[in-house]
N, C-alpha and C. Protein backbone atom coordinates (compact mmCIF):
# COMPACT_ATOMS: atom_id res chain seq x y z
N UNK A 1 20.77 -23.99 32.35
CA UNK A 1 21.25 -22.80 31.64
C UNK A 1 20.87 -21.55 32.44
N UNK A 2 21.87 -20.70 32.67
CA UNK A 2 21.60 -19.48 33.42
C UNK A 2 20.74 -18.52 32.60
N UNK A 3 20.16 -17.55 33.31
CA UNK A 3 19.32 -16.57 32.62
C UNK A 3 20.11 -15.81 31.57
N UNK A 4 21.37 -15.44 31.89
CA UNK A 4 22.20 -14.70 30.94
C UNK A 4 22.46 -15.54 29.70
N UNK A 5 22.74 -16.83 29.90
CA UNK A 5 22.98 -17.71 28.75
C UNK A 5 21.71 -17.89 27.93
N UNK A 6 20.57 -17.99 28.61
CA UNK A 6 19.30 -18.10 27.89
C UNK A 6 19.05 -16.87 27.04
N UNK A 7 19.34 -15.71 27.60
CA UNK A 7 19.14 -14.47 26.85
C UNK A 7 20.06 -14.41 25.64
N UNK A 8 21.32 -14.82 25.81
CA UNK A 8 22.24 -14.83 24.67
C UNK A 8 21.79 -15.83 23.61
N UNK A 9 21.31 -16.98 24.07
CA UNK A 9 20.83 -17.99 23.12
C UNK A 9 19.64 -17.47 22.33
N UNK A 10 18.74 -16.75 23.00
CA UNK A 10 17.57 -16.22 22.30
C UNK A 10 17.98 -15.12 21.31
N UNK A 11 18.96 -14.29 21.69
CA UNK A 11 19.45 -13.27 20.77
C UNK A 11 20.03 -13.94 19.52
N UNK A 12 20.80 -15.03 19.73
CA UNK A 12 21.37 -15.75 18.60
C UNK A 12 20.28 -16.36 17.73
N UNK A 13 19.26 -16.96 18.38
CA UNK A 13 18.16 -17.56 17.62
C UNK A 13 17.45 -16.52 16.77
N UNK A 14 17.19 -15.35 17.34
CA UNK A 14 16.51 -14.30 16.58
C UNK A 14 17.38 -13.81 15.43
N UNK A 15 18.70 -13.72 15.64
CA UNK A 15 19.60 -13.32 14.56
C UNK A 15 19.57 -14.33 13.43
N UNK A 16 19.51 -15.62 13.79
CA UNK A 16 19.43 -16.67 12.76
C UNK A 16 18.14 -16.54 11.96
N UNK A 17 17.04 -16.32 12.66
CA UNK A 17 15.76 -16.18 11.96
C UNK A 17 15.75 -14.95 11.06
N UNK A 18 16.33 -13.85 11.53
CA UNK A 18 16.42 -12.66 10.68
C UNK A 18 17.28 -12.93 9.45
N UNK A 19 18.42 -13.61 9.66
CA UNK A 19 19.28 -13.95 8.53
C UNK A 19 18.59 -14.87 7.55
N UNK A 20 17.88 -15.86 8.08
CA UNK A 20 17.16 -16.79 7.22
C UNK A 20 16.05 -16.08 6.45
N UNK A 21 15.34 -15.17 7.14
CA UNK A 21 14.27 -14.43 6.47
C UNK A 21 14.83 -13.63 5.29
N UNK A 22 15.95 -12.97 5.50
CA UNK A 22 16.55 -12.19 4.41
C UNK A 22 17.03 -13.09 3.28
N UNK A 23 17.64 -14.23 3.64
CA UNK A 23 18.16 -15.14 2.61
C UNK A 23 17.03 -15.79 1.82
N UNK A 24 16.04 -16.35 2.53
CA UNK A 24 14.91 -16.98 1.84
C UNK A 24 14.10 -15.94 1.06
N UNK A 25 13.94 -14.76 1.63
CA UNK A 25 13.17 -13.72 0.94
C UNK A 25 13.81 -13.29 -0.35
N UNK A 26 15.14 -13.29 -0.41
CA UNK A 26 15.84 -12.87 -1.63
C UNK A 26 15.94 -13.98 -2.66
N UNK A 27 16.21 -15.22 -2.21
CA UNK A 27 16.53 -16.29 -3.16
C UNK A 27 15.57 -17.46 -3.15
N UNK A 28 14.69 -17.53 -2.16
CA UNK A 28 13.79 -18.67 -2.09
C UNK A 28 14.44 -19.85 -1.39
N UNK A 29 13.63 -20.86 -1.10
CA UNK A 29 14.10 -22.02 -0.34
C UNK A 29 15.16 -22.81 -1.10
N UNK A 30 14.86 -23.15 -2.34
CA UNK A 30 15.75 -24.02 -3.10
C UNK A 30 17.12 -23.44 -3.36
N UNK A 31 17.20 -22.12 -3.52
CA UNK A 31 18.46 -21.48 -3.88
C UNK A 31 19.24 -20.95 -2.68
N UNK A 32 18.71 -21.17 -1.49
CA UNK A 32 19.37 -20.70 -0.27
C UNK A 32 20.06 -21.87 0.42
N UNK A 33 21.32 -21.69 0.78
CA UNK A 33 22.06 -22.70 1.54
C UNK A 33 22.17 -22.25 2.99
N UNK A 34 22.52 -23.19 3.86
CA UNK A 34 22.73 -22.83 5.25
C UNK A 34 23.93 -21.89 5.39
N UNK A 35 24.88 -21.99 4.49
CA UNK A 35 26.02 -21.05 4.50
C UNK A 35 25.53 -19.63 4.22
N UNK A 36 24.53 -19.50 3.34
CA UNK A 36 23.95 -18.18 3.08
C UNK A 36 23.30 -17.62 4.35
N UNK A 37 22.60 -18.49 5.07
CA UNK A 37 21.94 -18.05 6.30
C UNK A 37 22.97 -17.63 7.34
N UNK A 38 24.03 -18.43 7.48
CA UNK A 38 25.09 -18.11 8.44
C UNK A 38 25.71 -16.76 8.12
N UNK A 39 25.94 -16.52 6.84
CA UNK A 39 26.53 -15.24 6.44
C UNK A 39 25.59 -14.07 6.74
N UNK A 40 24.31 -14.22 6.43
CA UNK A 40 23.34 -13.15 6.68
C UNK A 40 23.16 -12.91 8.18
N UNK A 41 23.21 -14.00 8.96
CA UNK A 41 22.93 -13.89 10.39
C UNK A 41 24.15 -13.44 11.19
N UNK A 42 25.35 -13.66 10.64
CA UNK A 42 26.56 -13.31 11.37
C UNK A 42 26.83 -14.23 12.54
N UNK A 43 26.50 -15.53 12.38
CA UNK A 43 26.72 -16.52 13.43
C UNK A 43 27.54 -17.67 12.85
N UNK A 44 27.96 -18.58 13.70
CA UNK A 44 28.68 -19.76 13.23
C UNK A 44 27.68 -20.83 12.81
N UNK A 45 28.17 -21.77 11.99
CA UNK A 45 27.28 -22.86 11.58
C UNK A 45 26.91 -23.73 12.78
N UNK A 46 27.83 -23.84 13.75
CA UNK A 46 27.52 -24.60 14.96
C UNK A 46 26.37 -23.98 15.74
N UNK A 47 26.36 -22.64 15.80
CA UNK A 47 25.27 -21.96 16.50
C UNK A 47 23.95 -22.20 15.77
N UNK A 48 24.01 -22.19 14.45
CA UNK A 48 22.78 -22.43 13.68
C UNK A 48 22.24 -23.82 13.98
N UNK A 49 23.13 -24.84 13.93
CA UNK A 49 22.66 -26.21 14.15
C UNK A 49 22.20 -26.43 15.59
N UNK A 50 22.71 -25.65 16.52
CA UNK A 50 22.25 -25.76 17.91
C UNK A 50 20.76 -25.43 18.01
N UNK A 51 20.33 -24.46 17.22
CA UNK A 51 18.93 -24.01 17.29
C UNK A 51 18.04 -24.68 16.25
N UNK A 52 18.60 -24.99 15.08
CA UNK A 52 17.79 -25.54 13.98
C UNK A 52 18.56 -26.69 13.32
N UNK A 53 17.98 -27.89 13.32
CA UNK A 53 18.71 -29.05 12.80
C UNK A 53 18.82 -29.09 11.27
N UNK A 54 18.03 -28.28 10.57
CA UNK A 54 18.04 -28.36 9.12
C UNK A 54 17.50 -27.07 8.51
N UNK A 55 17.72 -26.93 7.22
CA UNK A 55 17.17 -25.78 6.50
C UNK A 55 15.64 -25.83 6.52
N UNK A 56 15.08 -27.02 6.41
CA UNK A 56 13.61 -27.12 6.43
C UNK A 56 13.05 -26.70 7.79
N UNK A 57 13.75 -27.04 8.87
CA UNK A 57 13.29 -26.63 10.20
C UNK A 57 13.27 -25.11 10.31
N UNK A 58 14.28 -24.46 9.75
CA UNK A 58 14.31 -22.99 9.72
C UNK A 58 13.12 -22.45 8.95
N UNK A 59 12.88 -23.04 7.78
CA UNK A 59 11.78 -22.56 6.94
C UNK A 59 10.44 -22.76 7.63
N UNK A 60 10.26 -23.90 8.28
CA UNK A 60 8.99 -24.17 8.97
C UNK A 60 8.77 -23.17 10.10
N UNK A 61 9.84 -22.82 10.80
CA UNK A 61 9.72 -21.84 11.88
C UNK A 61 9.30 -20.49 11.34
N UNK A 62 9.88 -20.08 10.22
CA UNK A 62 9.51 -18.80 9.62
C UNK A 62 8.07 -18.81 9.13
N UNK A 63 7.63 -19.92 8.59
CA UNK A 63 6.23 -20.03 8.16
C UNK A 63 5.31 -19.86 9.36
N UNK A 64 5.64 -20.55 10.46
CA UNK A 64 4.81 -20.43 11.66
C UNK A 64 4.84 -19.01 12.22
N UNK A 65 6.02 -18.39 12.22
CA UNK A 65 6.16 -17.06 12.82
C UNK A 65 5.45 -15.98 12.03
N UNK A 66 5.32 -16.16 10.71
CA UNK A 66 4.70 -15.08 9.94
C UNK A 66 3.22 -14.94 10.28
N UNK A 67 2.61 -15.99 10.82
CA UNK A 67 1.21 -15.85 11.25
C UNK A 67 1.12 -14.85 12.39
N UNK A 68 2.05 -14.99 13.35
CA UNK A 68 2.05 -14.06 14.48
C UNK A 68 2.53 -12.68 14.06
N UNK A 69 3.60 -12.64 13.25
CA UNK A 69 4.19 -11.37 12.85
C UNK A 69 3.23 -10.53 12.01
N UNK A 70 2.39 -11.19 11.22
CA UNK A 70 1.47 -10.46 10.35
C UNK A 70 0.13 -10.18 11.02
N UNK A 71 -0.08 -10.75 12.21
CA UNK A 71 -1.33 -10.52 12.92
C UNK A 71 -2.45 -11.46 12.54
N UNK A 72 -2.13 -12.53 11.80
CA UNK A 72 -3.19 -13.46 11.41
C UNK A 72 -3.71 -14.28 12.59
N UNK A 73 -2.81 -14.56 13.54
CA UNK A 73 -3.23 -15.34 14.69
C UNK A 73 -3.09 -14.50 15.95
N UNK A 74 -4.06 -14.58 16.82
CA UNK A 74 -3.99 -13.86 18.08
C UNK A 74 -4.40 -12.41 17.90
N UNK A 75 -4.86 -11.82 18.94
CA UNK A 75 -5.18 -10.40 18.94
C UNK A 75 -6.45 -10.04 18.20
N UNK A 76 -7.25 -11.03 17.77
CA UNK A 76 -8.51 -10.74 17.12
C UNK A 76 -9.54 -10.46 18.22
N UNK A 77 -9.83 -9.20 18.42
CA UNK A 77 -10.67 -8.81 19.54
C UNK A 77 -12.15 -9.08 19.28
N UNK A 78 -12.54 -8.96 18.02
CA UNK A 78 -13.97 -9.10 17.72
C UNK A 78 -14.11 -9.70 16.32
N UNK A 79 -14.72 -10.88 16.29
CA UNK A 79 -14.90 -11.54 15.01
C UNK A 79 -16.01 -10.84 14.24
N UNK A 80 -15.80 -10.68 12.93
CA UNK A 80 -16.80 -10.04 12.10
C UNK A 80 -16.24 -9.68 10.76
N UNK A 81 -17.07 -9.07 9.92
CA UNK A 81 -16.68 -8.77 8.55
C UNK A 81 -15.53 -7.76 8.48
N UNK A 82 -15.63 -6.66 9.26
CA UNK A 82 -14.56 -5.67 9.20
C UNK A 82 -13.23 -6.24 9.70
N UNK A 83 -13.30 -7.16 10.64
CA UNK A 83 -12.07 -7.80 11.11
C UNK A 83 -11.40 -8.57 9.99
N UNK A 84 -12.19 -9.27 9.18
CA UNK A 84 -11.63 -9.99 8.04
C UNK A 84 -10.95 -9.03 7.07
N UNK A 85 -11.62 -7.92 6.79
CA UNK A 85 -11.02 -6.91 5.90
C UNK A 85 -9.72 -6.39 6.50
N UNK A 86 -9.77 -6.04 7.78
CA UNK A 86 -8.59 -5.47 8.43
C UNK A 86 -7.43 -6.45 8.48
N UNK A 87 -7.72 -7.74 8.67
CA UNK A 87 -6.65 -8.72 8.70
C UNK A 87 -5.89 -8.77 7.38
N UNK A 88 -6.61 -8.68 6.26
CA UNK A 88 -5.92 -8.72 4.97
C UNK A 88 -5.02 -7.50 4.78
N UNK A 89 -5.47 -6.35 5.26
CA UNK A 89 -4.62 -5.16 5.18
C UNK A 89 -3.43 -5.28 6.14
N UNK A 90 -3.64 -5.92 7.28
CA UNK A 90 -2.54 -6.10 8.22
C UNK A 90 -1.45 -7.00 7.61
N UNK A 91 -1.88 -8.09 6.97
CA UNK A 91 -0.91 -8.98 6.34
C UNK A 91 -0.19 -8.26 5.20
N UNK A 92 -0.94 -7.48 4.44
CA UNK A 92 -0.32 -6.70 3.35
C UNK A 92 0.74 -5.75 3.89
N UNK A 93 0.44 -5.11 5.01
CA UNK A 93 1.41 -4.21 5.63
C UNK A 93 2.65 -4.99 6.05
N UNK A 94 2.44 -6.18 6.62
CA UNK A 94 3.57 -7.02 6.98
C UNK A 94 4.43 -7.37 5.80
N UNK A 95 3.81 -7.65 4.67
CA UNK A 95 4.57 -7.95 3.46
C UNK A 95 5.42 -6.77 3.02
N UNK A 96 4.93 -5.58 3.23
CA UNK A 96 5.67 -4.38 2.83
C UNK A 96 6.79 -4.02 3.80
N UNK A 97 6.66 -4.39 5.07
CA UNK A 97 7.55 -3.84 6.08
C UNK A 97 8.34 -4.87 6.89
N UNK A 98 7.99 -6.14 6.81
CA UNK A 98 8.57 -7.14 7.71
C UNK A 98 9.19 -8.27 6.89
N UNK A 99 10.52 -8.42 7.00
CA UNK A 99 11.23 -9.43 6.21
C UNK A 99 10.77 -10.84 6.57
N UNK A 100 10.40 -11.06 7.82
CA UNK A 100 9.97 -12.40 8.21
C UNK A 100 8.62 -12.74 7.60
N UNK A 101 7.73 -11.77 7.52
CA UNK A 101 6.44 -12.02 6.87
C UNK A 101 6.65 -12.31 5.40
N UNK A 102 7.48 -11.51 4.74
CA UNK A 102 7.75 -11.74 3.30
C UNK A 102 8.32 -13.13 3.08
N UNK A 103 9.31 -13.50 3.90
CA UNK A 103 9.93 -14.82 3.74
C UNK A 103 8.93 -15.93 4.03
N UNK A 104 8.15 -15.77 5.10
CA UNK A 104 7.19 -16.80 5.47
C UNK A 104 6.17 -17.05 4.39
N UNK A 105 5.65 -15.98 3.80
CA UNK A 105 4.64 -16.15 2.76
C UNK A 105 5.26 -16.67 1.47
N UNK A 106 6.49 -16.23 1.16
CA UNK A 106 7.16 -16.80 -0.01
C UNK A 106 7.37 -18.31 0.19
N UNK A 107 7.76 -18.71 1.38
CA UNK A 107 7.97 -20.13 1.66
C UNK A 107 6.67 -20.92 1.58
N UNK A 108 5.58 -20.33 2.07
CA UNK A 108 4.27 -20.99 1.96
C UNK A 108 3.95 -21.28 0.50
N UNK A 109 4.16 -20.29 -0.35
CA UNK A 109 3.86 -20.45 -1.77
C UNK A 109 4.78 -21.48 -2.40
N UNK A 110 6.09 -21.43 -2.05
CA UNK A 110 7.03 -22.39 -2.61
C UNK A 110 6.72 -23.81 -2.14
N UNK A 111 6.44 -23.98 -0.86
CA UNK A 111 6.14 -25.31 -0.35
C UNK A 111 4.85 -25.84 -0.98
N UNK A 112 3.94 -24.94 -1.31
CA UNK A 112 2.70 -25.36 -1.94
C UNK A 112 2.88 -25.85 -3.36
N UNK A 113 4.02 -25.54 -3.98
CA UNK A 113 4.26 -25.98 -5.35
C UNK A 113 5.22 -27.16 -5.43
N UNK A 114 5.65 -27.69 -4.27
CA UNK A 114 6.52 -28.85 -4.26
C UNK A 114 5.75 -30.10 -4.68
N UNK A 115 6.50 -31.18 -4.96
CA UNK A 115 5.87 -32.44 -5.36
C UNK A 115 4.91 -32.93 -4.28
N UNK A 116 5.28 -32.72 -3.01
CA UNK A 116 4.42 -33.09 -1.90
C UNK A 116 4.00 -31.82 -1.18
N UNK A 117 3.04 -31.07 -1.73
CA UNK A 117 2.70 -29.75 -1.17
C UNK A 117 2.09 -29.85 0.22
N UNK A 118 2.32 -28.79 1.00
CA UNK A 118 1.80 -28.73 2.37
C UNK A 118 0.66 -27.71 2.41
N UNK A 119 -0.57 -28.18 2.56
CA UNK A 119 -1.71 -27.24 2.57
C UNK A 119 -1.96 -26.58 3.92
N UNK A 120 -1.24 -27.00 4.97
CA UNK A 120 -1.61 -26.55 6.32
C UNK A 120 -1.53 -25.03 6.51
N UNK A 121 -0.53 -24.31 5.96
CA UNK A 121 -0.56 -22.85 6.15
C UNK A 121 -1.79 -22.21 5.51
N UNK A 122 -2.14 -22.65 4.32
CA UNK A 122 -3.34 -22.10 3.67
C UNK A 122 -4.58 -22.42 4.50
N UNK A 123 -4.63 -23.65 5.02
CA UNK A 123 -5.80 -24.03 5.82
C UNK A 123 -5.91 -23.17 7.08
N UNK A 124 -4.77 -22.80 7.66
CA UNK A 124 -4.81 -21.93 8.85
C UNK A 124 -5.31 -20.54 8.48
N UNK A 125 -4.86 -20.01 7.34
CA UNK A 125 -5.36 -18.70 6.89
C UNK A 125 -6.87 -18.77 6.67
N UNK A 126 -7.28 -19.82 5.97
CA UNK A 126 -8.71 -19.97 5.65
C UNK A 126 -9.53 -20.08 6.92
N UNK A 127 -9.06 -20.84 7.90
CA UNK A 127 -9.80 -21.01 9.15
C UNK A 127 -9.93 -19.68 9.89
N UNK A 128 -8.88 -18.86 9.87
CA UNK A 128 -8.94 -17.57 10.54
C UNK A 128 -9.98 -16.66 9.90
N UNK A 129 -9.98 -16.59 8.56
CA UNK A 129 -10.97 -15.77 7.86
C UNK A 129 -12.37 -16.35 8.07
N UNK A 130 -12.46 -17.66 8.05
CA UNK A 130 -13.77 -18.30 8.25
C UNK A 130 -14.34 -17.94 9.62
N UNK A 131 -13.50 -17.93 10.65
CA UNK A 131 -13.98 -17.57 11.98
C UNK A 131 -14.56 -16.15 11.99
N UNK A 132 -13.89 -15.25 11.27
CA UNK A 132 -14.41 -13.88 11.17
C UNK A 132 -15.78 -13.87 10.50
N UNK A 133 -15.93 -14.67 9.46
CA UNK A 133 -17.19 -14.70 8.72
C UNK A 133 -18.31 -15.35 9.53
N UNK A 134 -17.96 -16.35 10.33
CA UNK A 134 -18.96 -16.93 11.23
C UNK A 134 -19.46 -15.86 12.19
N UNK A 135 -18.53 -15.05 12.70
CA UNK A 135 -18.94 -13.93 13.56
C UNK A 135 -19.83 -12.95 12.83
N UNK A 136 -19.50 -12.68 11.57
CA UNK A 136 -20.33 -11.78 10.77
C UNK A 136 -21.74 -12.33 10.60
N UNK A 137 -21.83 -13.64 10.38
CA UNK A 137 -23.16 -14.25 10.24
C UNK A 137 -23.97 -14.10 11.52
N UNK A 138 -23.34 -14.29 12.66
CA UNK A 138 -24.02 -14.16 13.94
C UNK A 138 -24.59 -12.75 14.12
N UNK A 139 -23.86 -11.77 13.58
CA UNK A 139 -24.28 -10.36 13.69
C UNK A 139 -25.27 -9.95 12.60
N UNK A 140 -25.60 -10.87 11.70
CA UNK A 140 -26.52 -10.55 10.61
C UNK A 140 -25.86 -9.83 9.46
N UNK A 141 -24.53 -9.92 9.37
CA UNK A 141 -23.80 -9.18 8.35
C UNK A 141 -23.39 -10.04 7.15
N UNK A 142 -23.97 -11.23 7.05
CA UNK A 142 -23.66 -12.13 5.93
C UNK A 142 -24.95 -12.71 5.39
N UNK A 143 -25.11 -12.69 4.08
CA UNK A 143 -26.31 -13.27 3.48
C UNK A 143 -26.44 -14.73 3.88
N UNK A 144 -27.64 -15.20 4.19
CA UNK A 144 -27.82 -16.55 4.75
C UNK A 144 -27.38 -17.67 3.80
N UNK A 145 -27.41 -17.43 2.50
CA UNK A 145 -27.06 -18.49 1.56
C UNK A 145 -25.56 -18.62 1.35
N UNK A 146 -24.78 -17.71 1.91
CA UNK A 146 -23.33 -17.70 1.69
C UNK A 146 -22.67 -18.80 2.51
N UNK A 147 -21.79 -19.57 1.88
CA UNK A 147 -21.01 -20.59 2.56
C UNK A 147 -19.72 -19.96 3.08
N UNK A 148 -19.53 -19.94 4.39
CA UNK A 148 -18.40 -19.22 4.97
C UNK A 148 -17.06 -19.84 4.58
N UNK A 149 -17.01 -21.15 4.45
CA UNK A 149 -15.76 -21.81 4.05
C UNK A 149 -15.41 -21.46 2.61
N UNK A 150 -16.40 -21.45 1.74
CA UNK A 150 -16.15 -21.09 0.34
C UNK A 150 -15.63 -19.66 0.22
N UNK A 151 -16.24 -18.74 0.95
CA UNK A 151 -15.82 -17.34 0.87
C UNK A 151 -14.42 -17.18 1.46
N UNK A 152 -14.15 -17.83 2.58
CA UNK A 152 -12.82 -17.74 3.19
C UNK A 152 -11.76 -18.29 2.25
N UNK A 153 -12.06 -19.40 1.58
CA UNK A 153 -11.12 -19.98 0.62
C UNK A 153 -10.88 -19.02 -0.54
N UNK A 154 -11.94 -18.39 -0.99
CA UNK A 154 -11.84 -17.41 -2.08
C UNK A 154 -10.98 -16.21 -1.66
N UNK A 155 -11.19 -15.72 -0.45
CA UNK A 155 -10.44 -14.55 0.03
C UNK A 155 -8.95 -14.87 0.10
N UNK A 156 -8.61 -16.02 0.65
CA UNK A 156 -7.20 -16.38 0.78
C UNK A 156 -6.57 -16.59 -0.59
N UNK A 157 -7.28 -17.26 -1.49
CA UNK A 157 -6.75 -17.45 -2.84
C UNK A 157 -6.60 -16.14 -3.58
N UNK A 158 -7.57 -15.25 -3.44
CA UNK A 158 -7.51 -13.95 -4.10
C UNK A 158 -6.36 -13.11 -3.53
N UNK A 159 -6.23 -13.10 -2.21
CA UNK A 159 -5.15 -12.34 -1.59
C UNK A 159 -3.79 -12.84 -2.07
N UNK A 160 -3.64 -14.16 -2.15
CA UNK A 160 -2.36 -14.72 -2.60
C UNK A 160 -2.01 -14.23 -3.99
N UNK A 161 -2.98 -14.28 -4.89
CA UNK A 161 -2.74 -13.79 -6.25
C UNK A 161 -2.49 -12.30 -6.31
N UNK A 162 -3.26 -11.54 -5.52
CA UNK A 162 -3.11 -10.08 -5.51
C UNK A 162 -1.73 -9.68 -5.03
N UNK A 163 -1.25 -10.31 -3.94
CA UNK A 163 0.05 -9.89 -3.41
C UNK A 163 1.17 -10.28 -4.36
N UNK A 164 1.04 -11.40 -5.05
CA UNK A 164 2.06 -11.78 -6.03
C UNK A 164 2.08 -10.80 -7.21
N UNK A 165 0.91 -10.49 -7.72
CA UNK A 165 0.82 -9.56 -8.84
C UNK A 165 1.33 -8.18 -8.44
N UNK A 166 0.96 -7.74 -7.24
CA UNK A 166 1.42 -6.44 -6.76
C UNK A 166 2.93 -6.41 -6.59
N UNK A 167 3.49 -7.52 -6.10
CA UNK A 167 4.95 -7.60 -5.94
C UNK A 167 5.66 -7.47 -7.28
N UNK A 168 5.17 -8.18 -8.27
CA UNK A 168 5.81 -8.16 -9.58
C UNK A 168 5.64 -6.81 -10.27
N UNK A 169 4.46 -6.23 -10.18
CA UNK A 169 4.17 -5.00 -10.92
C UNK A 169 4.69 -3.74 -10.25
N UNK A 170 4.57 -3.66 -8.92
CA UNK A 170 4.87 -2.39 -8.26
C UNK A 170 5.74 -2.53 -7.01
N UNK A 171 6.29 -3.73 -6.76
CA UNK A 171 7.02 -3.92 -5.53
C UNK A 171 6.12 -3.80 -4.32
N UNK A 172 4.85 -4.14 -4.50
CA UNK A 172 3.79 -4.09 -3.49
C UNK A 172 3.41 -2.67 -3.08
N UNK A 173 3.78 -1.69 -3.85
CA UNK A 173 3.38 -0.31 -3.53
C UNK A 173 1.87 -0.13 -3.61
N UNK A 174 1.21 -0.91 -4.47
CA UNK A 174 -0.24 -0.73 -4.64
C UNK A 174 -1.06 -1.80 -3.95
N UNK A 175 -0.44 -2.58 -3.06
CA UNK A 175 -1.13 -3.75 -2.52
C UNK A 175 -2.38 -3.38 -1.74
N UNK A 176 -2.36 -2.29 -0.98
CA UNK A 176 -3.56 -1.91 -0.22
C UNK A 176 -4.69 -1.47 -1.15
N UNK A 177 -4.34 -0.79 -2.23
CA UNK A 177 -5.36 -0.40 -3.21
C UNK A 177 -6.00 -1.63 -3.83
N UNK A 178 -5.19 -2.61 -4.16
CA UNK A 178 -5.72 -3.82 -4.80
C UNK A 178 -6.58 -4.64 -3.83
N UNK A 179 -6.19 -4.67 -2.56
CA UNK A 179 -7.01 -5.37 -1.56
C UNK A 179 -8.32 -4.62 -1.35
N UNK A 180 -8.26 -3.31 -1.37
CA UNK A 180 -9.49 -2.51 -1.27
C UNK A 180 -10.41 -2.84 -2.44
N UNK A 181 -9.86 -2.97 -3.64
CA UNK A 181 -10.66 -3.37 -4.80
C UNK A 181 -11.31 -4.73 -4.56
N UNK A 182 -10.53 -5.68 -4.05
CA UNK A 182 -11.05 -7.03 -3.82
C UNK A 182 -12.29 -6.99 -2.93
N UNK A 183 -12.20 -6.28 -1.82
CA UNK A 183 -13.34 -6.22 -0.90
C UNK A 183 -14.48 -5.37 -1.48
N UNK A 184 -14.15 -4.33 -2.26
CA UNK A 184 -15.20 -3.52 -2.88
C UNK A 184 -16.05 -4.36 -3.82
N UNK A 185 -15.41 -5.29 -4.53
CA UNK A 185 -16.14 -6.16 -5.44
C UNK A 185 -16.86 -7.27 -4.69
N UNK A 186 -16.28 -7.75 -3.58
CA UNK A 186 -16.83 -8.92 -2.89
C UNK A 186 -17.97 -8.58 -1.93
N UNK A 187 -17.83 -7.52 -1.17
CA UNK A 187 -18.80 -7.24 -0.10
C UNK A 187 -20.25 -7.14 -0.59
N UNK A 188 -20.54 -6.46 -1.71
CA UNK A 188 -21.94 -6.38 -2.14
C UNK A 188 -22.56 -7.74 -2.47
N UNK A 189 -21.72 -8.73 -2.74
CA UNK A 189 -22.24 -10.05 -3.08
C UNK A 189 -22.48 -10.95 -1.88
N UNK A 190 -21.93 -10.59 -0.71
CA UNK A 190 -22.06 -11.48 0.44
C UNK A 190 -22.71 -10.82 1.65
N UNK A 191 -22.81 -9.50 1.64
CA UNK A 191 -23.38 -8.76 2.78
C UNK A 191 -24.78 -8.25 2.40
N UNK A 192 -25.75 -8.33 3.30
CA UNK A 192 -27.08 -7.75 3.00
C UNK A 192 -26.95 -6.30 2.54
N UNK A 193 -27.75 -5.93 1.56
CA UNK A 193 -27.62 -4.62 0.91
C UNK A 193 -27.70 -3.47 1.90
N UNK A 194 -28.52 -3.62 2.92
CA UNK A 194 -28.69 -2.51 3.86
C UNK A 194 -27.56 -2.42 4.89
N UNK A 195 -26.58 -3.34 4.80
CA UNK A 195 -25.47 -3.35 5.75
C UNK A 195 -24.11 -3.13 5.09
N UNK A 196 -24.06 -3.13 3.78
CA UNK A 196 -22.77 -3.01 3.08
C UNK A 196 -22.03 -1.75 3.49
N UNK A 197 -22.74 -0.65 3.64
CA UNK A 197 -22.10 0.64 3.95
C UNK A 197 -21.44 0.65 5.32
N UNK A 198 -21.71 -0.34 6.15
CA UNK A 198 -21.09 -0.40 7.47
C UNK A 198 -19.60 -0.74 7.40
N UNK A 199 -19.18 -1.31 6.28
CA UNK A 199 -17.83 -1.87 6.20
C UNK A 199 -16.98 -1.10 5.20
N UNK A 200 -15.73 -0.85 5.58
CA UNK A 200 -14.82 -0.08 4.74
C UNK A 200 -13.81 -1.02 4.10
N UNK A 201 -13.88 -1.19 2.78
CA UNK A 201 -12.94 -2.08 2.10
C UNK A 201 -11.49 -1.65 2.26
N UNK A 202 -11.26 -0.38 2.55
CA UNK A 202 -9.90 0.13 2.74
C UNK A 202 -9.38 -0.12 4.15
N UNK A 203 -10.19 -0.73 5.00
CA UNK A 203 -9.80 -0.97 6.38
C UNK A 203 -10.48 0.01 7.31
N UNK A 204 -10.68 -0.42 8.53
CA UNK A 204 -11.32 0.44 9.52
C UNK A 204 -10.41 1.64 9.84
N UNK A 205 -11.00 2.67 10.40
CA UNK A 205 -10.21 3.84 10.79
C UNK A 205 -9.11 3.45 11.77
N UNK A 206 -9.42 2.51 12.66
CA UNK A 206 -8.42 2.07 13.65
C UNK A 206 -7.24 1.39 12.98
N UNK A 207 -7.50 0.49 12.03
CA UNK A 207 -6.39 -0.23 11.41
C UNK A 207 -5.59 0.70 10.50
N UNK A 208 -6.27 1.64 9.83
CA UNK A 208 -5.54 2.58 8.98
C UNK A 208 -4.62 3.46 9.81
N UNK A 209 -5.11 3.88 10.98
CA UNK A 209 -4.26 4.69 11.85
C UNK A 209 -3.10 3.87 12.38
N UNK A 210 -3.38 2.63 12.78
CA UNK A 210 -2.34 1.76 13.33
C UNK A 210 -1.24 1.48 12.31
N UNK A 211 -1.62 1.29 11.06
CA UNK A 211 -0.65 0.95 10.01
C UNK A 211 -0.14 2.16 9.24
N UNK A 212 -0.61 3.34 9.62
CA UNK A 212 -0.15 4.53 8.92
C UNK A 212 -0.74 4.67 7.53
N UNK A 213 -1.97 4.19 7.34
CA UNK A 213 -2.60 4.18 6.02
C UNK A 213 -3.67 5.27 5.88
N UNK A 214 -3.86 6.09 6.93
CA UNK A 214 -4.95 7.05 6.91
C UNK A 214 -4.82 8.03 5.75
N UNK A 215 -3.63 8.54 5.51
CA UNK A 215 -3.44 9.52 4.45
C UNK A 215 -3.67 8.90 3.08
N UNK A 216 -3.18 7.70 2.91
CA UNK A 216 -3.35 7.02 1.62
C UNK A 216 -4.81 6.74 1.35
N UNK A 217 -5.56 6.34 2.41
CA UNK A 217 -6.97 6.03 2.23
C UNK A 217 -7.78 7.26 1.89
N UNK A 218 -7.30 8.42 2.29
CA UNK A 218 -8.05 9.64 2.04
C UNK A 218 -7.83 10.21 0.66
N UNK A 219 -6.76 9.73 -0.04
CA UNK A 219 -6.45 10.27 -1.36
C UNK A 219 -7.53 9.92 -2.37
């Protein structure tokens, strides 16, 4: 395949994923057909099957991609407590602004409620948060009796519920406030008292600036 053909193929693949993200995000996995995806993507069904053999393959790709798109995987420069806080705000921002993140997380939740649920996306989230907490322990920022796996599982479960509730109640307009609440309640219970003030439940200054949250955090 020539370079030009490869580039065209990749453009088509990205259009299919964008179309699928919009279709799955609006109607969910069960109510979305491949014809819906073709219509949203503006491609032929043959082009879709060239890249993805099934609707489930499309959904699995979106689930995998939302980890990268939301910043959950890769780019973690320094493991620690503030990184864990910042990651949750980064994912929340992705839910507000990125159709692929919204679709990927909706699919994770839907697949988790199927007769044969797939725990692997949740386990990947938990492992990422756990790694941050292990770093926090190394730095002395976690109480010694705290189980890092238990806390990571709690954070992922709490975030899942918070984002769903925020979506239903406010269209996720308040999601960063609710995540800030979550960490405000959690940090005093897991961080040594003399270190709690080091961490900002609303996200670090760097992440707030990066996501455009500085003004909201100052209100």
